[in-house]
Amino acid sequence: MGYDSFARPYGFRTRDGGSFYVFSLLNDPQSITQVLTLGAYVRGGSKSIQEIAGDWYA
């Protein structure tokens, strides 16, 4: 499955200097039928992304 577009990400800095982001991947911008929303966290000083939550809507 591929995605054609994505929603504008929302993010903020965490207390430890890391980052938290929430964004959505959209299947078709003309008629949105499938959306995958993710919450991701990057610990301060780390280069790895950790998925906190994911929600699939169809």
C-alpha atoms as a PDB file:
ATOM      1  CA  MET A   1       0.000   0.000   0.000  1.00  0.00           C
ATOM      2  CA  GLY A   2       1.309   3.446  -0.857  1.00  0.00           C
ATOM      3  CA  TYR A   3       0.267   6.882   0.310  1.00  0.00           C
ATOM      4  CA  ASP A   4      -0.179   9.926  -1.892  1.00  0.00           C
ATOM      5  CA  SER A   5       0.121  12.662   0.731  1.00  0.00           C
ATOM      6  CA  PHE A   6       0.391  13.376   4.434  1.00  0.00           C
ATOM      7  CA  ALA A   7      -1.158  15.720   6.966  1.00  0.00           C
ATOM      8  CA  ARG A   8       0.906  18.538   8.416  1.00  0.00           C
ATOM      9  CA  PRO A   9       2.936  17.107  11.334  1.00  0.00           C
ATOM     10  CA  TYR A  10       2.459  18.373  14.873  1.00  0.00           C
ATOM     11  CA  GLY A  11       5.475  18.157  17.147  1.00  0.00           C
ATOM     12  CA  PHE A  12       7.141  19.478  20.258  1.00  0.00           C
ATOM     13  CA  ARG A  13      10.350  19.132  22.278  1.00  0.00           C
ATOM     14  CA  THR A  14      10.359  16.791  25.255  1.00  0.00           C
ATOM     15  CA  ARG A  15      11.946  17.419  28.644  1.00  0.00           C
ATOM     16  CA  ASP A  16      15.007  15.292  27.814  1.00  0.00           C
ATOM     17  CA  GLY A  17      15.706  17.307  24.616  1.00  0.00           C
ATOM     18  CA  GLY A  18      14.059  14.807  22.305  1.00  0.00           C
ATOM     19  CA  SER A  19      11.118  15.272  19.968  1.00  0.00           C
ATOM     20  CA  PHE A  20       7.571  13.936  19.740  1.00  0.00           C
ATOM     21  CA  TYR A  21       5.595  14.040  16.483  1.00  0.00           C
ATOM     22  CA  VAL A  22       2.074  13.125  15.392  1.00  0.00           C
ATOM     23  CA  PHE A  23       1.273  12.905  11.692  1.00  0.00           C
ATOM     24  CA  SER A  24      -1.067  11.134   9.278  1.00  0.00           C
ATOM     25  CA  LEU A  25      -0.464   9.424   5.948  1.00  0.00           C
ATOM     26  CA  LEU A  26      -3.380   9.885   3.525  1.00  0.00           C
ATOM     27  CA  ASN A  27      -4.282   7.358   0.834  1.00  0.00           C
ATOM     28  CA  ASP A  28      -5.916   9.684  -1.720  1.00  0.00           C
ATOM     29  CA  PRO A  29      -6.196  13.472  -1.334  1.00  0.00           C
ATOM     30  CA  GLN A  30      -9.351  13.600  -3.503  1.00  0.00           C
ATOM     31  CA  SER A  31     -11.383  11.119  -1.444  1.00  0.00           C
ATOM     32  CA  ILE A  32      -9.696  10.070   1.776  1.00  0.00           C
ATOM     33  CA  THR A  33     -10.628   6.443   2.331  1.00  0.00           C
ATOM     34  CA  GLN A  34      -7.637   5.207   4.319  1.00  0.00           C
ATOM     35  CA  VAL A  35      -5.638   7.103   6.950  1.00  0.00           C
ATOM     36  CA  LEU A  36      -2.730   5.920   9.076  1.00  0.00           C
ATOM     37  CA  THR A  37      -1.980   8.176  12.062  1.00  0.00           C
ATOM     38  CA  LEU A  38       1.301   7.740  13.946  1.00  0.00           C
ATOM     39  CA  GLY A  39       2.840   9.118  17.096  1.00  0.00           C
ATOM     40  CA  ALA A  40       6.639   8.932  17.103  1.00  0.00           C
ATOM     41  CA  TYR A  41       9.285   9.800  19.683  1.00  0.00           C
ATOM     42  CA  VAL A  42      13.020  10.478  19.343  1.00  0.00           C
ATOM     43  CA  ARG A  43      14.892  10.432  22.646  1.00  0.00           C
ATOM     44  CA  GLY A  44      17.327  13.295  23.258  1.00  0.00           C
ATOM     45  CA  GLY A  45      20.718  12.474  21.696  1.00  0.00           C
ATOM     46  CA  SER A  46      19.334   9.401  19.911  1.00  0.00           C
ATOM     47  CA  LYS A  47      19.036   8.767  16.177  1.00  0.00           C
ATOM     48  CA  SER A  48      16.361   6.077  16.408  1.00  0.00           C
ATOM     49  CA  ILE A  49      12.622   6.691  16.084  1.00  0.00           C
ATOM     50  CA  GLN A  50      10.266   4.894  18.458  1.00  0.00           C
ATOM     51  CA  GLU A  51       6.616   4.454  17.519  1.00  0.00           C
ATOM     52  CA  ILE A  52       4.397   5.342  20.469  1.00  0.00           C
ATOM     53  CA  ALA A  53       0.987   4.753  18.886  1.00  0.00           C
ATOM     54  CA  GLY A  54      -0.579   4.032  15.530  1.00  0.00           C
ATOM     55  CA  ASP A  55      -4.190   4.100  14.375  1.00  0.00           C
ATOM     56  CA  TRP A  56      -5.559   2.812  11.079  1.00  0.00           C
ATOM     57  CA  TYR A  57      -8.836   4.225   9.768  1.00  0.00           C
ATOM     58  CA  ALA A  58     -10.510   2.894   6.645  1.00  0.00           C
END
